[in-house]
């Protein structure tokens, strides 16, 4: 498993907080409703949940309507 590369660390387009909140809710629901997945996919989902939560918090602070 690799580390986060430079492209993953860049935010080129910051979307509104509602978008990221929706993504957080979707990943949380999928994790809760579909627990029987491969270890690799379980880790991918956890990573995406973490990433969307981080972007949500960043968006709350810096998104300009």
PDB file of N, CA and C in Angstrom:
ATOM      1  N   UNK A   1       0.846  -1.181   0.000  1.00  0.00           N
ATOM      2  CA  UNK A   1       0.000   0.000   0.000  1.00  0.00           C
ATOM      3  C   UNK A   1       0.885   1.235   0.000  1.00  0.00           C
ATOM      4  N   UNK A   2       0.592   2.162  -0.893  1.00  0.00           N
ATOM      5  CA  UNK A   2       1.411   3.351  -1.011  1.00  0.00           C
ATOM      6  C   UNK A   2       0.931   4.486  -0.122  1.00  0.00           C
ATOM      7  N   UNK A   3       1.718   5.519  -0.111  1.00  0.00           N
ATOM      8  CA  UNK A   3       1.372   6.703   0.644  1.00  0.00           C
ATOM      9  C   UNK A   3       0.585   7.656  -0.244  1.00  0.00           C
ATOM     10  N   UNK A   4       0.002   8.671   0.355  1.00  0.00           N
ATOM     11  CA  UNK A   4      -0.717   9.678  -0.412  1.00  0.00           C
ATOM     12  C   UNK A   4       0.298  10.425  -1.265  1.00  0.00           C
ATOM     13  N   UNK A   5       0.055  10.471  -2.571  1.00  0.00           N
ATOM     14  CA  UNK A   5       0.994  11.156  -3.454  1.00  0.00           C
ATOM     15  C   UNK A   5       0.685  12.650  -3.524  1.00  0.00           C
ATOM     16  N   UNK A   6       1.522  13.385  -4.222  1.00  0.00           N
ATOM     17  CA  UNK A   6       1.364  14.835  -4.313  1.00  0.00           C
ATOM     18  C   UNK A   6       0.021  15.236  -4.910  1.00  0.00           C
ATOM     19  N   UNK A   7      -0.460  14.471  -5.889  1.00  0.00           N
ATOM     20  CA  UNK A   7      -1.738  14.810  -6.519  1.00  0.00           C
ATOM     21  C   UNK A   7      -2.894  14.662  -5.545  1.00  0.00           C
ATOM     22  N   UNK A   8      -2.860  13.663  -4.684  1.00  0.00           N
ATOM     23  CA  UNK A   8      -3.914  13.479  -3.689  1.00  0.00           C
ATOM     24  C   UNK A   8      -3.892  14.579  -2.644  1.00  0.00           C
ATOM     25  N   UNK A   9      -2.743  15.156  -2.394  1.00  0.00           N
ATOM     26  CA  UNK A   9      -2.604  16.166  -1.346  1.00  0.00           C
ATOM     27  C   UNK A   9      -3.039  17.554  -1.809  1.00  0.00           C
ATOM     28  N   UNK A  10      -3.212  17.750  -3.110  1.00  0.00           N
ATOM     29  CA  UNK A  10      -3.595  19.056  -3.643  1.00  0.00           C
ATOM     30  C   UNK A  10      -5.110  19.187  -3.719  1.00  0.00           C
ATOM     31  N   UNK A  11      -5.590  20.354  -3.387  1.00  0.00           N
ATOM     32  CA  UNK A  11      -7.007  20.669  -3.579  1.00  0.00           C
ATOM     33  C   UNK A  11      -7.068  21.716  -4.674  1.00  0.00           C
ATOM     34  N   UNK A  12      -7.496  21.303  -5.861  1.00  0.00           N
ATOM     35  CA  UNK A  12      -7.571  22.243  -6.977  1.00  0.00           C
ATOM     36  C   UNK A  12      -8.946  22.885  -7.074  1.00  0.00           C
ATOM     37  N   UNK A  13      -9.986  22.134  -6.757  1.00  0.00           N
ATOM     38  CA  UNK A  13     -11.355  22.643  -6.802  1.00  0.00           C
ATOM     39  C   UNK A  13     -12.032  22.317  -5.485  1.00  0.00           C
ATOM     40  N   UNK A  14     -12.306  23.334  -4.705  1.00  0.00           N
ATOM     41  CA  UNK A  14     -12.986  23.142  -3.436  1.00  0.00           C
ATOM     42  C   UNK A  14     -14.479  23.323  -3.666  1.00  0.00           C
ATOM     43  N   UNK A  15     -15.227  22.285  -3.351  1.00  0.00           N
ATOM     44  CA  UNK A  15     -16.670  22.329  -3.531  1.00  0.00           C
ATOM     45  C   UNK A  15     -17.346  22.785  -2.244  1.00  0.00           C
ATOM     46  N   UNK A  16     -18.657  23.010  -2.322  1.00  0.00           N
ATOM     47  CA  UNK A  16     -19.398  23.492  -1.166  1.00  0.00           C
ATOM     48  C   UNK A  16     -19.446  22.423  -0.066  1.00  0.00           C
ATOM     49  N   UNK A  17     -19.596  22.830   1.182  1.00  0.00           N
ATOM     50  CA  UNK A  17     -19.623  21.878   2.291  1.00  0.00           C
ATOM     51  C   UNK A  17     -20.722  20.823   2.154  1.00  0.00           C
ATOM     52  N   UNK A  18     -21.850  21.182   1.563  1.00  0.00           N
ATOM     53  CA  UNK A  18     -22.951  20.233   1.410  1.00  0.00           C
ATOM     54  C   UNK A  18     -22.541  19.020   0.572  1.00  0.00           C
ATOM     55  N   UNK A  19     -21.719  19.250  -0.447  1.00  0.00           N
ATOM     56  CA  UNK A  19     -21.245  18.138  -1.276  1.00  0.00           C
ATOM     57  C   UNK A  19     -20.466  17.136  -0.432  1.00  0.00           C
ATOM     58  N   UNK A  20     -19.522  17.633   0.351  1.00  0.00           N
ATOM     59  CA  UNK A  20     -18.684  16.744   1.160  1.00  0.00           C
ATOM     60  C   UNK A  20     -19.491  16.069   2.261  1.00  0.00           C
ATOM     61  N   UNK A  21     -20.456  16.786   2.835  1.00  0.00           N
ATOM     62  CA  UNK A  21     -21.308  16.185   3.861  1.00  0.00           C
ATOM     63  C   UNK A  21     -22.111  15.028   3.271  1.00  0.00           C
ATOM     64  N   UNK A  22     -22.589  15.192   2.061  1.00  0.00           N
ATOM     65  CA  UNK A  22     -23.312  14.124   1.375  1.00  0.00           C
ATOM     66  C   UNK A  22     -22.408  12.912   1.148  1.00  0.00           C
ATOM     67  N   UNK A  23     -21.170  13.153   0.757  1.00  0.00           N
ATOM     68  CA  UNK A  23     -20.213  12.064   0.559  1.00  0.00           C
ATOM     69  C   UNK A  23     -19.918  11.338   1.872  1.00  0.00           C
ATOM     70  N   UNK A  24     -19.755  12.092   2.945  1.00  0.00           N
ATOM     71  CA  UNK A  24     -19.520  11.490   4.264  1.00  0.00           C
ATOM     72  C   UNK A  24     -20.697  10.609   4.642  1.00  0.00           C
ATOM     73  N   UNK A  25     -21.906  11.115   4.440  1.00  0.00           N
ATOM     74  CA  UNK A  25     -23.099  10.329   4.762  1.00  0.00           C
ATOM     75  C   UNK A  25     -23.187   9.070   3.912  1.00  0.00           C
ATOM     76  N   UNK A  26     -22.849   9.178   2.636  1.00  0.00           N
ATOM     77  CA  UNK A  26     -22.909   8.019   1.738  1.00  0.00           C
ATOM     78  C   UNK A  26     -21.884   6.954   2.133  1.00  0.00           C
ATOM     79  N   UNK A  27     -20.654   7.354   2.392  1.00  0.00           N
ATOM     80  CA  UNK A  27     -19.638   6.375   2.798  1.00  0.00           C
ATOM     81  C   UNK A  27     -19.974   5.763   4.153  1.00  0.00           C
ATOM     82  N   UNK A  28     -20.466   6.567   5.074  1.00  0.00           N
ATOM     83  CA  UNK A  28     -20.841   6.041   6.391  1.00  0.00           C
ATOM     84  C   UNK A  28     -21.952   5.008   6.270  1.00  0.00           C
ATOM     85  N   UNK A  29     -22.950   5.304   5.447  1.00  0.00           N
ATOM     86  CA  UNK A  29     -24.053   4.369   5.248  1.00  0.00           C
ATOM     87  C   UNK A  29     -23.577   3.085   4.590  1.00  0.00           C
ATOM     88  N   UNK A  30     -22.715   3.211   3.581  1.00  0.00           N
ATOM     89  CA  UNK A  30     -22.219   2.007   2.908  1.00  0.00           C
ATOM     90  C   UNK A  30     -21.418   1.135   3.868  1.00  0.00           C
ATOM     91  N   UNK A  31     -20.594   1.748   4.684  1.00  0.00           N
ATOM     92  CA  UNK A  31     -19.795   0.991   5.649  1.00  0.00           C
ATOM     93  C   UNK A  31     -20.716   0.273   6.644  1.00  0.00           C
ATOM     94  N   UNK A  32     -21.748   0.972   7.083  1.00  0.00           N
ATOM     95  CA  UNK A  32     -22.673   0.397   8.053  1.00  0.00           C
ATOM     96  C   UNK A  32     -23.536  -0.718   7.439  1.00  0.00           C
ATOM     97  N   UNK A  33     -23.990  -0.516   6.212  1.00  0.00           N
ATOM     98  CA  UNK A  33     -24.928  -1.458   5.592  1.00  0.00           C
ATOM     99  C   UNK A  33     -24.258  -2.625   4.877  1.00  0.00           C
ATOM    100  N   UNK A  34     -22.994  -2.477   4.505  1.00  0.00           N
ATOM    101  CA  UNK A  34     -22.273  -3.522   3.772  1.00  0.00           C
ATOM    102  C   UNK A  34     -20.950  -3.836   4.451  1.00  0.00           C
ATOM    103  N   UNK A  35     -20.999  -4.477   5.610  1.00  0.00           N
ATOM    104  CA  UNK A  35     -19.757  -4.735   6.340  1.00  0.00           C
ATOM    105  C   UNK A  35     -18.908  -5.870   5.766  1.00  0.00           C
ATOM    106  N   UNK A  36     -19.514  -6.765   5.003  1.00  0.00           N
ATOM    107  CA  UNK A  36     -18.797  -7.947   4.504  1.00  0.00           C
ATOM    108  C   UNK A  36     -18.165  -7.670   3.145  1.00  0.00           C
ATOM    109  N   UNK A  37     -17.021  -7.005   3.174  1.00  0.00           N
ATOM    110  CA  UNK A  37     -16.283  -6.712   1.951  1.00  0.00           C
ATOM    111  C   UNK A  37     -14.838  -7.148   2.150  1.00  0.00           C
ATOM    112  N   UNK A  38     -14.080  -7.127   1.072  1.00  0.00           N
ATOM    113  CA  UNK A  38     -12.674  -7.509   1.178  1.00  0.00           C
ATOM    114  C   UNK A  38     -11.931  -6.509   2.057  1.00  0.00           C
ATOM    115  N   UNK A  39     -10.804  -6.942   2.585  1.00  0.00           N
ATOM    116  CA  UNK A  39      -9.999  -6.064   3.433  1.00  0.00           C
ATOM    117  C   UNK A  39      -9.538  -4.841   2.658  1.00  0.00           C
ATOM    118  N   UNK A  40      -9.149  -5.057   1.405  1.00  0.00           N
ATOM    119  CA  UNK A  40      -8.682  -3.940   0.568  1.00  0.00           C
ATOM    120  C   UNK A  40      -9.790  -2.911   0.379  1.00  0.00           C
ATOM    121  N   UNK A  41     -11.008  -3.376   0.063  1.00  0.00           N
ATOM    122  CA  UNK A  41     -12.112  -2.441  -0.159  1.00  0.00           C
ATOM    123  C   UNK A  41     -12.513  -1.754   1.150  1.00  0.00           C
ATOM    124  N   UNK A  42     -12.466  -2.472   2.251  1.00  0.00           N
ATOM    125  CA  UNK A  42     -12.778  -1.873   3.555  1.00  0.00           C
ATOM    126  C   UNK A  42     -11.816  -0.723   3.847  1.00  0.00           C
ATOM    127  N   UNK A  43     -10.529  -0.925   3.552  1.00  0.00           N
ATOM    128  CA  UNK A  43      -9.538   0.133   3.765  1.00  0.00           C
ATOM    129  C   UNK A  43      -9.752   1.301   2.818  1.00  0.00           C
ATOM    130  N   UNK A  44     -10.114   1.012   1.565  1.00  0.00           N
ATOM    131  CA  UNK A  44     -10.385   2.078   0.607  1.00  0.00           C
ATOM    132  C   UNK A  44     -11.556   2.938   1.068  1.00  0.00           C
ATOM    133  N   UNK A  45     -12.599   2.283   1.583  1.00  0.00           N
ATOM    134  CA  UNK A  45     -13.764   3.036   2.060  1.00  0.00           C
ATOM    135  C   UNK A  45     -13.399   3.898   3.262  1.00  0.00           C
ATOM    136  N   UNK A  46     -12.616   3.350   4.175  1.00  0.00           N
ATOM    137  CA  UNK A  46     -12.207   4.131   5.341  1.00  0.00           C
ATOM    138  C   UNK A  46     -11.361   5.328   4.931  1.00  0.00           C
ATOM    139  N   UNK A  47     -10.487   5.123   3.956  1.00  0.00           N
ATOM    140  CA  UNK A  47      -9.676   6.230   3.457  1.00  0.00           C
ATOM    141  C   UNK A  47     -10.563   7.308   2.833  1.00  0.00           C
ATOM    142  N   UNK A  48     -11.514   6.886   1.996  1.00  0.00           N
ATOM    143  CA  UNK A  48     -12.388   7.857   1.346  1.00  0.00           C
ATOM    144  C   UNK A  48     -13.265   8.581   2.365  1.00  0.00           C
ATOM    145  N   UNK A  49     -13.711   7.888   3.390  1.00  0.00           N
ATOM    146  CA  UNK A  49     -14.481   8.535   4.446  1.00  0.00           C
ATOM    147  C   UNK A  49     -13.623   9.587   5.149  1.00  0.00           C
ATOM    148  N   UNK A  50     -12.398   9.214   5.493  1.00  0.00           N
ATOM    149  CA  UNK A  50     -11.488  10.160   6.132  1.00  0.00           C
ATOM    150  C   UNK A  50     -11.236  11.371   5.228  1.00  0.00           C
ATOM    151  N   UNK A  51     -10.987  11.121   3.960  1.00  0.00           N
ATOM    152  CA  UNK A  51     -10.701  12.199   3.012  1.00  0.00           C
ATOM    153  C   UNK A  51     -11.889  13.146   2.871  1.00  0.00           C
ATOM    154  N   UNK A  52     -13.099  12.594   2.749  1.00  0.00           N
ATOM    155  CA  UNK A  52     -14.281  13.437   2.599  1.00  0.00           C
ATOM    156  C   UNK A  52     -14.565  14.235   3.870  1.00  0.00           C
ATOM    157  N   UNK A  53     -14.309  13.631   5.039  1.00  0.00           N
ATOM    158  CA  UNK A  53     -14.470  14.360   6.294  1.00  0.00           C
ATOM    159  C   UNK A  53     -13.473  15.519   6.382  1.00  0.00           C
ATOM    160  N   UNK A  54     -12.238  15.268   5.960  1.00  0.00           N
ATOM    161  CA  UNK A  54     -11.219  16.321   5.975  1.00  0.00           C
ATOM    162  C   UNK A  54     -11.588  17.444   5.008  1.00  0.00           C
ATOM    163  N   UNK A  55     -12.055  17.089   3.820  1.00  0.00           N
ATOM    164  CA  UNK A  55     -12.459  18.109   2.843  1.00  0.00           C
ATOM    165  C   UNK A  55     -13.694  18.870   3.312  1.00  0.00           C
ATOM    166  N   UNK A  56     -14.595  18.190   3.991  1.00  0.00           N
ATOM    167  CA  UNK A  56     -15.775  18.857   4.540  1.00  0.00           C
ATOM    168  C   UNK A  56     -15.351  19.929   5.543  1.00  0.00           C
ATOM    169  N   UNK A  57     -14.479  19.562   6.471  1.00  0.00           N
ATOM    170  CA  UNK A  57     -14.020  20.522   7.467  1.00  0.00           C
ATOM    171  C   UNK A  57     -13.259  21.683   6.827  1.00  0.00           C
ATOM    172  N   UNK A  58     -12.436  21.377   5.841  1.00  0.00           N
ATOM    173  CA  UNK A  58     -11.693  22.419   5.125  1.00  0.00           C
ATOM    174  C   UNK A  58     -12.657  23.342   4.384  1.00  0.00           C
ATOM    175  N   UNK A  59     -13.670  22.743   3.756  1.00  0.00           N
ATOM    176  CA  UNK A  59     -14.646  23.511   3.009  1.00  0.00           C
ATOM    177  C   UNK A  59     -15.455  24.434   3.921  1.00  0.00           C
ATOM    178  N   UNK A  60     -15.795  23.947   5.108  1.00  0.00           N
ATOM    179  CA  UNK A  60     -16.513  24.813   6.061  1.00  0.00           C
ATOM    180  C   UNK A  60     -15.714  26.068   6.374  1.00  0.00           C
ATOM    181  N   UNK A  61     -14.421  25.922   6.410  1.00  0.00           N
ATOM    182  CA  UNK A  61     -13.552  27.031   6.789  1.00  0.00           C
ATOM    183  C   UNK A  61     -13.236  27.956   5.617  1.00  0.00           C
ATOM    184  N   UNK A  62     -13.033  27.400   4.416  1.00  0.00           N
ATOM    185  CA  UNK A  62     -12.491  28.195   3.316  1.00  0.00           C
ATOM    186  C   UNK A  62     -13.384  28.365   2.100  1.00  0.00           C
ATOM    187  N   UNK A  63     -14.503  27.644   2.013  1.00  0.00           N
ATOM    188  CA  UNK A  63     -15.345  27.765   0.815  1.00  0.00           C
ATOM    189  C   UNK A  63     -16.027  29.129   0.792  1.00  0.00           C
ATOM    190  N   UNK A  64     -15.969  29.773  -0.357  1.00  0.00           N
ATOM    191  CA  UNK A  64     -16.611  31.080  -0.549  1.00  0.00           C
ATOM    192  C   UNK A  64     -17.829  30.915  -1.453  1.00  0.00           C
ATOM    193  N   UNK A  65     -19.002  31.240  -0.934  1.00  0.00           N
ATOM    194  CA  UNK A  65     -20.247  31.114  -1.712  1.00  0.00           C
ATOM    195  C   UNK A  65     -20.348  32.178  -2.749  1.00  0.00           C
TER     196      UNK A  65
END
